[in-house]
Amino acid sequence: MAAAHDDLSRLIALEQAIDRAHISARDREAARHRGVAWSGFAPPPALVRPPQALDAEAREKLARLDAWRASDAGRLLAAIAESQRAAAAAHAAGEAARAALARNPREPTEGCMAAAEEMAARTLAACRAARRARRIVRRAAAQAGGG
């Protein structure tokens, strides 16, 4: 539930930032029309949405985000991203092992053991996420009649 609250807080902040950007753009446009200007060319007054409207918009966006996250595409993308992050972490651990070995080639175990353990753990995590992605795609294909 904390993640949903964090998402809602971020979306409310986004809605506030959108309003600030609209007001700023309106103010810039109004500055262009100061002084002598043709009638009717000034921008309309800036409308600031009340907090309830910001909250409602953020909640609507959160509902759409949650629905997308629960969809096959959302779950697939999450699994792919998780696999990629784990693979990148495994790669970084491998680079740490290389660096440790470069610092002391006569003692390859010193500094390399933790990196090797990290590489193994991250590689397993990448594989688990990749298998989850494969299951999602297979199930979606079967439901679509293509599998």
N, C-alpha and C. Protein backbone atom coordinates (compact mmCIF):
# COMPACT_ATOMS: atom_id res chain seq x y z
N MET A 1 0.82 -1.20 0.00
CA MET A 1 0.00 0.00 0.00
C MET A 1 0.86 1.26 0.00
N ALA A 2 2.06 1.15 0.55
CA ALA A 2 2.95 2.30 0.58
C ALA A 2 3.34 2.72 -0.82
N ALA A 3 3.54 1.74 -1.71
CA ALA A 3 3.91 2.06 -3.09
C ALA A 3 2.80 2.83 -3.78
N ALA A 4 1.54 2.45 -3.55
CA ALA A 4 0.41 3.17 -4.14
C ALA A 4 0.36 4.59 -3.60
N HIS A 5 0.63 4.76 -2.30
CA HIS A 5 0.65 6.10 -1.71
C HIS A 5 1.78 6.93 -2.32
N ASP A 6 2.95 6.31 -2.50
CA ASP A 6 4.08 7.01 -3.12
C ASP A 6 3.74 7.40 -4.55
N ASP A 7 3.11 6.49 -5.29
CA ASP A 7 2.71 6.80 -6.67
C ASP A 7 1.71 7.95 -6.69
N LEU A 8 0.73 7.92 -5.77
CA LEU A 8 -0.26 8.98 -5.71
C LEU A 8 0.41 10.31 -5.37
N SER A 9 1.32 10.31 -4.42
CA SER A 9 2.03 11.54 -4.06
C SER A 9 2.81 12.09 -5.25
N ARG A 10 3.49 11.19 -5.98
CA ARG A 10 4.24 11.63 -7.17
C ARG A 10 3.30 12.18 -8.24
N LEU A 11 2.15 11.55 -8.42
CA LEU A 11 1.21 12.03 -9.44
C LEU A 11 0.59 13.37 -9.04
N ILE A 12 0.31 13.56 -7.76
CA ILE A 12 -0.20 14.86 -7.31
C ILE A 12 0.85 15.94 -7.55
N ALA A 13 2.11 15.62 -7.20
CA ALA A 13 3.20 16.58 -7.45
C ALA A 13 3.33 16.87 -8.94
N LEU A 14 3.13 15.87 -9.79
CA LEU A 14 3.18 16.07 -11.23
C LEU A 14 2.07 17.01 -11.68
N GLU A 15 0.87 16.80 -11.17
CA GLU A 15 -0.25 17.68 -11.52
C GLU A 15 0.04 19.11 -11.08
N GLN A 16 0.63 19.29 -9.91
CA GLN A 16 0.99 20.63 -9.45
C GLN A 16 2.05 21.25 -10.38
N ALA A 17 3.01 20.45 -10.80
CA ALA A 17 4.04 20.94 -11.71
C ALA A 17 3.44 21.32 -13.06
N ILE A 18 2.46 20.55 -13.52
CA ILE A 18 1.78 20.88 -14.78
C ILE A 18 1.10 22.24 -14.65
N ASP A 19 0.40 22.45 -13.53
CA ASP A 19 -0.26 23.74 -13.33
C ASP A 19 0.75 24.88 -13.29
N ARG A 20 1.88 24.67 -12.60
CA ARG A 20 2.91 25.72 -12.54
C ARG A 20 3.45 26.01 -13.94
N ALA A 21 3.65 24.98 -14.74
CA ALA A 21 4.15 25.17 -16.10
C ALA A 21 3.14 25.94 -16.95
N HIS A 22 1.85 25.62 -16.80
CA HIS A 22 0.82 26.34 -17.55
C HIS A 22 0.78 27.81 -17.14
N ILE A 23 0.87 28.07 -15.85
CA ILE A 23 0.86 29.45 -15.36
C ILE A 23 2.09 30.20 -15.86
N SER A 24 3.24 29.54 -15.82
CA SER A 24 4.47 30.17 -16.29
C SER A 24 4.38 30.49 -17.78
N ALA A 25 3.85 29.57 -18.57
CA ALA A 25 3.70 29.80 -20.01
C ALA A 25 2.72 30.93 -20.26
N ARG A 26 1.64 30.95 -19.51
CA ARG A 26 0.65 32.02 -19.64
C ARG A 26 1.27 33.36 -19.28
N ASP A 27 2.07 33.40 -18.21
CA ASP A 27 2.73 34.65 -17.80
C ASP A 27 3.71 35.14 -18.87
N ARG A 28 4.44 34.22 -19.49
CA ARG A 28 5.36 34.60 -20.57
C ARG A 28 4.58 35.18 -21.76
N GLU A 29 3.48 34.53 -22.08
CA GLU A 29 2.65 35.02 -23.19
C GLU A 29 2.04 36.38 -22.84
N ALA A 30 1.61 36.55 -21.61
CA ALA A 30 1.04 37.83 -21.18
C ALA A 30 2.09 38.93 -21.24
N ALA A 31 3.33 38.62 -20.91
CA ALA A 31 4.41 39.61 -20.97
C ALA A 31 4.63 40.08 -22.39
N ARG A 32 4.44 39.22 -23.35
CA ARG A 32 4.59 39.60 -24.76
C ARG A 32 3.53 40.60 -25.18
N HIS A 33 2.40 40.61 -24.50
CA HIS A 33 1.28 41.46 -24.88
C HIS A 33 1.15 42.70 -24.01
N ARG A 34 2.13 42.98 -23.16
CA ARG A 34 2.09 44.20 -22.35
C ARG A 34 2.32 45.40 -23.26
N GLY A 35 1.80 46.47 -22.84
CA GLY A 35 1.96 47.68 -23.64
C GLY A 35 0.93 47.71 -24.75
N VAL A 36 1.37 48.09 -25.91
CA VAL A 36 0.44 48.19 -27.04
C VAL A 36 0.25 46.80 -27.63
N ALA A 37 -0.96 46.34 -27.66
CA ALA A 37 -1.27 45.03 -28.23
C ALA A 37 -2.65 45.09 -28.86
N TRP A 38 -2.87 44.28 -29.82
CA TRP A 38 -4.18 44.23 -30.44
C TRP A 38 -5.17 43.62 -29.47
N SER A 39 -6.31 44.10 -29.49
CA SER A 39 -7.35 43.61 -28.60
C SER A 39 -7.65 42.15 -28.91
N GLY A 40 -7.80 41.36 -27.89
CA GLY A 40 -8.17 39.97 -28.06
C GLY A 40 -7.00 39.03 -28.23
N PHE A 41 -5.77 39.54 -28.26
CA PHE A 41 -4.62 38.67 -28.43
C PHE A 41 -3.96 38.28 -27.12
N ALA A 42 -4.35 38.91 -26.04
CA ALA A 42 -3.77 38.56 -24.74
C ALA A 42 -4.26 37.17 -24.34
N PRO A 43 -3.45 36.42 -23.65
CA PRO A 43 -3.87 35.07 -23.25
C PRO A 43 -4.97 35.14 -22.19
N PRO A 44 -5.75 34.09 -22.09
CA PRO A 44 -6.80 34.08 -21.06
C PRO A 44 -6.15 34.03 -19.67
N PRO A 45 -6.89 34.40 -18.65
CA PRO A 45 -6.32 34.35 -17.30
C PRO A 45 -5.94 32.90 -16.93
N ALA A 46 -4.92 32.81 -16.11
CA ALA A 46 -4.46 31.48 -15.66
C ALA A 46 -5.47 30.90 -14.69
N LEU A 47 -5.82 29.67 -14.91
CA LEU A 47 -6.74 28.98 -14.02
C LEU A 47 -5.95 28.01 -13.15
N VAL A 48 -6.05 28.20 -11.86
CA VAL A 48 -5.38 27.32 -10.92
C VAL A 48 -6.41 26.32 -10.42
N ARG A 49 -6.10 25.06 -10.61
CA ARG A 49 -7.04 24.03 -10.17
C ARG A 49 -6.99 23.91 -8.64
N PRO A 50 -8.13 23.71 -8.02
CA PRO A 50 -8.13 23.52 -6.57
C PRO A 50 -7.50 22.17 -6.21
N PRO A 51 -7.04 22.03 -4.97
CA PRO A 51 -6.39 20.77 -4.56
C PRO A 51 -7.26 19.54 -4.81
N GLN A 52 -8.58 19.68 -4.69
CA GLN A 52 -9.47 18.53 -4.93
C GLN A 52 -9.39 18.09 -6.39
N ALA A 53 -9.30 19.04 -7.30
CA ALA A 53 -9.21 18.69 -8.72
C ALA A 53 -7.86 18.03 -9.02
N LEU A 54 -6.79 18.53 -8.41
CA LEU A 54 -5.48 17.91 -8.59
C LEU A 54 -5.50 16.48 -8.06
N ASP A 55 -6.08 16.30 -6.90
CA ASP A 55 -6.16 14.97 -6.29
C ASP A 55 -6.99 14.03 -7.17
N ALA A 56 -8.11 14.52 -7.67
CA ALA A 56 -8.96 13.68 -8.53
C ALA A 56 -8.23 13.27 -9.81
N GLU A 57 -7.53 14.22 -10.42
CA GLU A 57 -6.78 13.92 -11.66
C GLU A 57 -5.68 12.91 -11.37
N ALA A 58 -4.97 13.11 -10.25
CA ALA A 58 -3.90 12.19 -9.88
C ALA A 58 -4.45 10.79 -9.61
N ARG A 59 -5.57 10.71 -8.93
CA ARG A 59 -6.18 9.40 -8.65
C ARG A 59 -6.64 8.71 -9.93
N GLU A 60 -7.15 9.48 -10.87
CA GLU A 60 -7.55 8.91 -12.15
C GLU A 60 -6.34 8.36 -12.91
N LYS A 61 -5.25 9.12 -12.90
CA LYS A 61 -4.03 8.66 -13.56
C LYS A 61 -3.47 7.43 -12.85
N LEU A 62 -3.54 7.40 -11.52
CA LEU A 62 -3.06 6.25 -10.77
C LEU A 62 -3.89 5.01 -11.11
N ALA A 63 -5.19 5.17 -11.24
CA ALA A 63 -6.05 4.03 -11.60
C ALA A 63 -5.67 3.49 -12.98
N ARG A 64 -5.41 4.40 -13.94
CA ARG A 64 -4.99 3.95 -15.27
C ARG A 64 -3.62 3.28 -15.22
N LEU A 65 -2.71 3.84 -14.41
CA LEU A 65 -1.38 3.26 -14.25
C LEU A 65 -1.46 1.87 -13.63
N ASP A 66 -2.28 1.74 -12.59
CA ASP A 66 -2.43 0.43 -11.94
C ASP A 66 -3.03 -0.60 -12.91
N ALA A 67 -4.00 -0.16 -13.70
CA ALA A 67 -4.61 -1.08 -14.68
C ALA A 67 -3.57 -1.51 -15.71
N TRP A 68 -2.75 -0.57 -16.16
CA TRP A 68 -1.72 -0.91 -17.13
C TRP A 68 -0.68 -1.85 -16.50
N ARG A 69 -0.28 -1.56 -15.28
CA ARG A 69 0.70 -2.41 -14.59
C ARG A 69 0.18 -3.84 -14.45
N ALA A 70 -1.12 -4.00 -14.27
CA ALA A 70 -1.71 -5.33 -14.11
C ALA A 70 -1.91 -6.04 -15.45
N SER A 71 -1.79 -5.30 -16.55
CA SER A 71 -1.99 -5.90 -17.88
C SER A 71 -0.77 -6.74 -18.25
N ASP A 72 -0.95 -7.58 -19.27
CA ASP A 72 0.17 -8.39 -19.76
C ASP A 72 1.34 -7.51 -20.16
N ALA A 73 1.05 -6.42 -20.87
CA ALA A 73 2.13 -5.54 -21.33
C ALA A 73 2.86 -4.91 -20.15
N GLY A 74 2.12 -4.47 -19.15
CA GLY A 74 2.74 -3.86 -17.98
C GLY A 74 3.60 -4.84 -17.20
N ARG A 75 3.06 -6.05 -17.00
CA ARG A 75 3.82 -7.06 -16.27
C ARG A 75 5.04 -7.51 -17.07
N LEU A 76 4.89 -7.60 -18.39
CA LEU A 76 6.01 -7.98 -19.25
C LEU A 76 7.11 -6.93 -19.19
N LEU A 77 6.73 -5.67 -19.31
CA LEU A 77 7.73 -4.61 -19.25
C LEU A 77 8.43 -4.59 -17.90
N ALA A 78 7.69 -4.80 -16.83
CA ALA A 78 8.31 -4.83 -15.50
C ALA A 78 9.31 -5.98 -15.39
N ALA A 79 8.96 -7.15 -15.91
CA ALA A 79 9.86 -8.30 -15.87
C ALA A 79 11.11 -8.04 -16.72
N ILE A 80 10.92 -7.44 -17.88
CA ILE A 80 12.06 -7.13 -18.74
C ILE A 80 12.98 -6.14 -18.04
N ALA A 81 12.41 -5.08 -17.47
CA ALA A 81 13.22 -4.07 -16.79
C ALA A 81 13.95 -4.68 -15.60
N GLU A 82 13.28 -5.55 -14.85
CA GLU A 82 13.93 -6.21 -13.72
C GLU A 82 15.10 -7.07 -14.19
N SER A 83 14.89 -7.81 -15.27
CA SER A 83 15.96 -8.64 -15.81
C SER A 83 17.13 -7.79 -16.27
N GLN A 84 16.84 -6.68 -16.93
CA GLN A 84 17.91 -5.80 -17.41
C GLN A 84 18.69 -5.18 -16.25
N ARG A 85 17.97 -4.75 -15.20
CA ARG A 85 18.67 -4.18 -14.03
C ARG A 85 19.57 -5.22 -13.38
N ALA A 86 19.07 -6.44 -13.25
CA ALA A 86 19.87 -7.50 -12.62
C ALA A 86 21.07 -7.84 -13.50
N ALA A 87 20.86 -7.89 -14.81
CA ALA A 87 21.98 -8.18 -15.71
C ALA A 87 23.03 -7.07 -15.64
N ALA A 88 22.59 -5.83 -15.55
CA ALA A 88 23.54 -4.71 -15.43
C ALA A 88 24.31 -4.81 -14.11
N ALA A 89 23.63 -5.20 -13.05
CA ALA A 89 24.30 -5.37 -11.75
C ALA A 89 25.29 -6.53 -11.81
N ALA A 90 24.94 -7.61 -12.51
CA ALA A 90 25.87 -8.73 -12.67
C ALA A 90 27.09 -8.28 -13.46
N HIS A 91 26.88 -7.50 -14.48
CA HIS A 91 27.99 -6.98 -15.28
C HIS A 91 28.89 -6.10 -14.40
N ALA A 92 28.29 -5.23 -13.60
CA ALA A 92 29.08 -4.36 -12.72
C ALA A 92 29.88 -5.18 -11.72
N ALA A 93 29.29 -6.24 -11.20
CA ALA A 93 30.02 -7.11 -10.28
C ALA A 93 31.19 -7.79 -10.99
N GLY A 94 30.98 -8.19 -12.24
CA GLY A 94 32.06 -8.77 -13.02
C GLY A 94 33.19 -7.76 -13.23
N GLU A 95 32.84 -6.52 -13.48
CA GLU A 95 33.85 -5.48 -13.64
C GLU A 95 34.60 -5.26 -12.33
N ALA A 96 33.91 -5.36 -11.21
CA ALA A 96 34.57 -5.23 -9.90
C ALA A 96 35.56 -6.37 -9.70
N ALA A 97 35.18 -7.57 -10.13
CA ALA A 97 36.09 -8.71 -10.03
C ALA A 97 37.32 -8.50 -10.91
N ARG A 98 37.09 -7.98 -12.13
CA ARG A 98 38.22 -7.69 -13.02
C ARG A 98 39.16 -6.66 -12.39
N ALA A 99 38.58 -5.63 -11.80
CA ALA A 99 39.40 -4.59 -11.19
C ALA A 99 40.19 -5.14 -10.01
N ALA A 100 39.56 -5.98 -9.20
CA ALA A 100 40.26 -6.59 -8.07
C ALA A 100 41.41 -7.46 -8.57
N LEU A 101 41.17 -8.21 -9.61
CA LEU A 101 42.21 -9.06 -10.18
C LEU A 101 43.34 -8.23 -10.79
N ALA A 102 42.98 -7.11 -11.40
CA ALA A 102 44.01 -6.24 -11.98
C ALA A 102 44.89 -5.62 -10.88
N ARG A 103 44.27 -5.34 -9.73
CA ARG A 103 45.05 -4.77 -8.63
C ARG A 103 46.02 -5.78 -8.03
N ASN A 104 45.61 -7.06 -8.03
CA ASN A 104 46.45 -8.08 -7.39
C ASN A 104 46.32 -9.39 -8.16
N PRO A 105 47.02 -9.54 -9.28
CA PRO A 105 46.88 -10.75 -10.10
C PRO A 105 47.45 -12.00 -9.44
N ARG A 106 48.30 -11.84 -8.43
CA ARG A 106 48.90 -13.01 -7.77
C ARG A 106 47.93 -13.65 -6.76
N GLU A 107 46.97 -12.88 -6.29
CA GLU A 107 45.99 -13.37 -5.32
C GLU A 107 44.58 -13.16 -5.88
N PRO A 108 44.16 -14.01 -6.82
CA PRO A 108 42.87 -13.78 -7.46
C PRO A 108 41.66 -13.92 -6.53
N THR A 109 41.81 -14.58 -5.40
CA THR A 109 40.66 -14.74 -4.52
C THR A 109 40.40 -13.49 -3.70
N GLU A 110 41.45 -12.71 -3.45
CA GLU A 110 41.29 -11.51 -2.62
C GLU A 110 40.48 -10.47 -3.39
N GLY A 111 39.35 -10.08 -2.86
CA GLY A 111 38.51 -9.08 -3.50
C GLY A 111 37.59 -9.64 -4.57
N CYS A 112 37.86 -10.83 -5.04
CA CYS A 112 37.05 -11.39 -6.13
C CYS A 112 35.87 -12.23 -5.61
N MET A 113 36.00 -12.77 -4.41
CA MET A 113 34.95 -13.67 -3.92
C MET A 113 33.60 -12.95 -3.80
N ALA A 114 33.59 -11.77 -3.19
CA ALA A 114 32.33 -11.04 -3.04
C ALA A 114 31.76 -10.67 -4.40
N ALA A 115 32.62 -10.27 -5.30
CA ALA A 115 32.16 -9.90 -6.65
C ALA A 115 31.58 -11.11 -7.37
N ALA A 116 32.23 -12.26 -7.22
CA ALA A 116 31.73 -13.47 -7.87
C ALA A 116 30.38 -13.89 -7.29
N GLU A 117 30.23 -13.77 -5.98
CA GLU A 117 28.94 -14.08 -5.33
C GLU A 117 27.85 -13.13 -5.82
N GLU A 118 28.20 -11.87 -5.92
CA GLU A 118 27.24 -10.87 -6.41
C GLU A 118 26.86 -11.16 -7.86
N MET A 119 27.86 -11.50 -8.68
CA MET A 119 27.59 -11.84 -10.07
C MET A 119 26.62 -13.01 -10.17
N ALA A 120 26.86 -14.03 -9.37
CA ALA A 120 26.00 -15.21 -9.41
C ALA A 120 24.58 -14.87 -8.98
N ALA A 121 24.45 -14.12 -7.90
CA ALA A 121 23.12 -13.76 -7.39
C ALA A 121 22.36 -12.91 -8.40
N ARG A 122 23.02 -11.94 -8.97
CA ARG A 122 22.36 -11.05 -9.93
C ARG A 122 22.02 -11.78 -11.23
N THR A 123 22.87 -12.71 -11.64
CA THR A 123 22.59 -13.48 -12.85
C THR A 123 21.36 -14.36 -12.64
N LEU A 124 21.26 -14.96 -11.46
CA LEU A 124 20.06 -15.77 -11.16
C LEU A 124 18.81 -14.90 -11.16
N ALA A 125 18.91 -13.71 -10.59
CA ALA A 125 17.76 -12.80 -10.57
C ALA A 125 17.37 -12.40 -11.99
N ALA A 126 18.35 -12.15 -12.84
CA ALA A 126 18.07 -11.81 -14.24
C ALA A 126 17.37 -12.97 -14.94
N CYS A 127 17.83 -14.17 -14.68
CA CYS A 127 17.22 -15.36 -15.30
C CYS A 127 15.79 -15.57 -14.81
N ARG A 128 15.56 -15.38 -13.51
CA ARG A 128 14.20 -15.53 -12.97
C ARG A 128 13.25 -14.53 -13.63
N ALA A 129 13.69 -13.29 -13.75
CA ALA A 129 12.84 -12.26 -14.37
C ALA A 129 12.62 -12.57 -15.85
N ALA A 130 13.64 -13.05 -16.53
CA ALA A 130 13.51 -13.39 -17.95
C ALA A 130 12.53 -14.56 -18.12
N ARG A 131 12.59 -15.53 -17.23
CA ARG A 131 11.63 -16.66 -17.31
C ARG A 131 10.21 -16.16 -17.05
N ARG A 132 10.05 -15.22 -16.10
CA ARG A 132 8.73 -14.66 -15.83
C ARG A 132 8.22 -13.93 -17.08
N ALA A 133 9.08 -13.19 -17.75
CA ALA A 133 8.69 -12.51 -18.99
C ALA A 133 8.25 -13.51 -20.04
N ARG A 134 9.00 -14.59 -20.16
CA ARG A 134 8.65 -15.62 -21.14
C ARG A 134 7.28 -16.23 -20.82
N ARG A 135 7.00 -16.50 -19.54
CA ARG A 135 5.69 -17.06 -19.16
C ARG A 135 4.57 -16.09 -19.50
N ILE A 136 4.78 -14.80 -19.25
CA ILE A 136 3.76 -13.80 -19.55
C ILE A 136 3.46 -13.79 -21.04
N VAL A 137 4.50 -13.80 -21.87
CA VAL A 137 4.31 -13.78 -23.32
C VAL A 137 3.63 -15.06 -23.79
N ARG A 138 4.05 -16.19 -23.27
CA ARG A 138 3.42 -17.46 -23.69
C ARG A 138 1.94 -17.49 -23.32
N ARG A 139 1.63 -17.04 -22.10
CA ARG A 139 0.23 -17.05 -21.67
C ARG A 139 -0.59 -16.08 -22.51
N ALA A 140 -0.04 -14.91 -22.80
CA ALA A 140 -0.75 -13.92 -23.63
C ALA A 140 -0.97 -14.48 -25.03
N ALA A 141 0.03 -15.16 -25.58
CA ALA A 141 -0.10 -15.74 -26.92
C ALA A 141 -1.16 -16.83 -26.92
N ALA A 142 -1.18 -17.64 -25.87
CA ALA A 142 -2.19 -18.71 -25.78
C ALA A 142 -3.58 -18.13 -25.67
N GLN A 143 -3.73 -17.07 -24.91
CA GLN A 143 -5.06 -16.44 -24.75
C GLN A 143 -5.50 -15.78 -26.05
N ALA A 144 -4.54 -15.31 -26.83
CA ALA A 144 -4.88 -14.66 -28.10
C ALA A 144 -5.09 -15.70 -29.20
N GLY A 145 -4.84 -16.96 -28.89
CA GLY A 145 -5.04 -18.02 -29.87
C GLY A 145 -3.84 -18.21 -30.78
N GLY A 146 -2.72 -17.57 -30.41
CA GLY A 146 -1.54 -17.70 -31.25
C GLY A 146 -0.54 -18.67 -30.70
N GLY A 147 -0.89 -19.41 -29.64
CA GLY A 147 0.16 -20.22 -29.10
C GLY A 147 -0.10 -21.61 -28.89
